[in-house]
Amino acid sequence: MGVQFMDVKQVAEYLNMSVQWVYREAPKVGLKPYRFGNGRNAKIQFKIADVQAWVRQQSPSS
């Protein structure tokens, strides 16, 4: 099975953040966006594994 991706809306729901936050802040905090297509119709997606790893890094280790 190949790499699985989430779209911006799915990432926003998963992180309990706004879609605007995902577009603006996610790249700044280390979540790498992948662009599929060109121009205004490009789809921005994130690797599910990257998002899950980022979440694990944010939670304090017990």
C-alpha atoms as a PDB file:
ATOM      1  CA  MET A   1       0.000   0.000   0.000  1.00  0.00           C
ATOM      2  CA  GLY A   2       1.316   3.450  -0.903  1.00  0.00           C
ATOM      3  CA  VAL A   3       1.649   6.595   1.130  1.00  0.00           C
ATOM      4  CA  GLN A   4      -1.678   7.915   2.315  1.00  0.00           C
ATOM      5  CA  PHE A   5      -2.560  11.598   2.375  1.00  0.00           C
ATOM      6  CA  MET A   6      -5.094  13.821   4.111  1.00  0.00           C
ATOM      7  CA  ASP A   7      -6.477  16.974   2.551  1.00  0.00           C
ATOM      8  CA  VAL A   8      -6.426  20.309   4.355  1.00  0.00           C
ATOM      9  CA  LYS A   9      -9.955  19.904   5.732  1.00  0.00           C
ATOM     10  CA  GLN A  10      -9.137  16.450   7.137  1.00  0.00           C
ATOM     11  CA  VAL A  11      -5.942  17.744   8.751  1.00  0.00           C
ATOM     12  CA  ALA A  12      -7.864  20.651  10.287  1.00  0.00           C
ATOM     13  CA  GLU A  13     -10.442  18.269  11.754  1.00  0.00           C
ATOM     14  CA  TYR A  14      -7.786  15.828  12.965  1.00  0.00           C
ATOM     15  CA  LEU A  15      -5.854  18.596  14.726  1.00  0.00           C
ATOM     16  CA  ASN A  16      -8.992  20.443  15.869  1.00  0.00           C
ATOM     17  CA  MET A  17      -7.730  23.550  14.097  1.00  0.00           C
ATOM     18  CA  SER A  18      -9.189  25.776  11.402  1.00  0.00           C
ATOM     19  CA  VAL A  19      -8.565  25.242   7.691  1.00  0.00           C
ATOM     20  CA  GLN A  20      -6.940  28.690   7.655  1.00  0.00           C
ATOM     21  CA  TRP A  21      -4.526  27.555  10.396  1.00  0.00           C
ATOM     22  CA  VAL A  22      -3.524  24.531   8.339  1.00  0.00           C
ATOM     23  CA  TYR A  23      -2.814  26.663   5.255  1.00  0.00           C
ATOM     24  CA  ARG A  24      -0.966  29.399   7.135  1.00  0.00           C
ATOM     25  CA  GLU A  25       0.680  27.796  10.165  1.00  0.00           C
ATOM     26  CA  ALA A  26       1.192  24.088   9.448  1.00  0.00           C
ATOM     27  CA  PRO A  27       4.236  24.644   7.185  1.00  0.00           C
ATOM     28  CA  LYS A  28       5.751  26.959   9.828  1.00  0.00           C
ATOM     29  CA  VAL A  29       5.474  24.317  12.569  1.00  0.00           C
ATOM     30  CA  GLY A  30       7.053  21.592  10.461  1.00  0.00           C
ATOM     31  CA  LEU A  31       4.146  19.940   8.658  1.00  0.00           C
ATOM     32  CA  LYS A  32       5.255  19.627   5.043  1.00  0.00           C
ATOM     33  CA  PRO A  33       2.502  20.280   2.492  1.00  0.00           C
ATOM     34  CA  TYR A  34       2.501  18.358  -0.770  1.00  0.00           C
ATOM     35  CA  ARG A  35       1.060  20.112  -3.826  1.00  0.00           C
ATOM     36  CA  PHE A  36      -0.724  18.052  -6.467  1.00  0.00           C
ATOM     37  CA  GLY A  37      -1.427  19.950  -9.671  1.00  0.00           C
ATOM     38  CA  ASN A  38      -0.683  23.539 -10.636  1.00  0.00           C
ATOM     39  CA  GLY A  39      -2.103  26.978 -10.113  1.00  0.00           C
ATOM     40  CA  ARG A  40      -5.447  27.669  -8.487  1.00  0.00           C
ATOM     41  CA  ASN A  41      -6.630  24.086  -8.887  1.00  0.00           C
ATOM     42  CA  ALA A  42      -3.668  22.606  -7.017  1.00  0.00           C
ATOM     43  CA  LYS A  43      -4.590  20.311  -4.158  1.00  0.00           C
ATOM     44  CA  ILE A  44      -2.594  20.688  -0.955  1.00  0.00           C
ATOM     45  CA  GLN A  45      -2.281  17.487   1.036  1.00  0.00           C
ATOM     46  CA  PHE A  46      -0.277  16.189   3.976  1.00  0.00           C
ATOM     47  CA  LYS A  47       1.079  12.711   4.622  1.00  0.00           C
ATOM     48  CA  ILE A  48      -1.006  11.045   7.337  1.00  0.00           C
ATOM     49  CA  ALA A  49       2.148   9.594   8.918  1.00  0.00           C
ATOM     50  CA  ASP A  50       3.728  13.078   9.073  1.00  0.00           C
ATOM     51  CA  VAL A  51       0.646  14.551  10.768  1.00  0.00           C
ATOM     52  CA  GLN A  52       0.486  11.719  13.308  1.00  0.00           C
ATOM     53  CA  ALA A  53       4.209  11.999  14.054  1.00  0.00           C
ATOM     54  CA  TRP A  54       3.868  15.767  14.534  1.00  0.00           C
ATOM     55  CA  VAL A  55       0.991  15.249  16.986  1.00  0.00           C
ATOM     56  CA  ARG A  56       3.091  12.779  18.980  1.00  0.00           C
ATOM     57  CA  GLN A  57       5.915  15.338  19.172  1.00  0.00           C
ATOM     58  CA  GLN A  58       3.523  17.964  20.576  1.00  0.00           C
ATOM     59  CA  SER A  59       2.227  15.908  23.490  1.00  0.00           C
ATOM     60  CA  PRO A  60       4.371  15.969  26.613  1.00  0.00           C
ATOM     61  CA  SER A  61       6.033  12.631  27.232  1.00  0.00           C
ATOM     62  CA  SER A  62       4.905  11.009  30.461  1.00  0.00           C
END
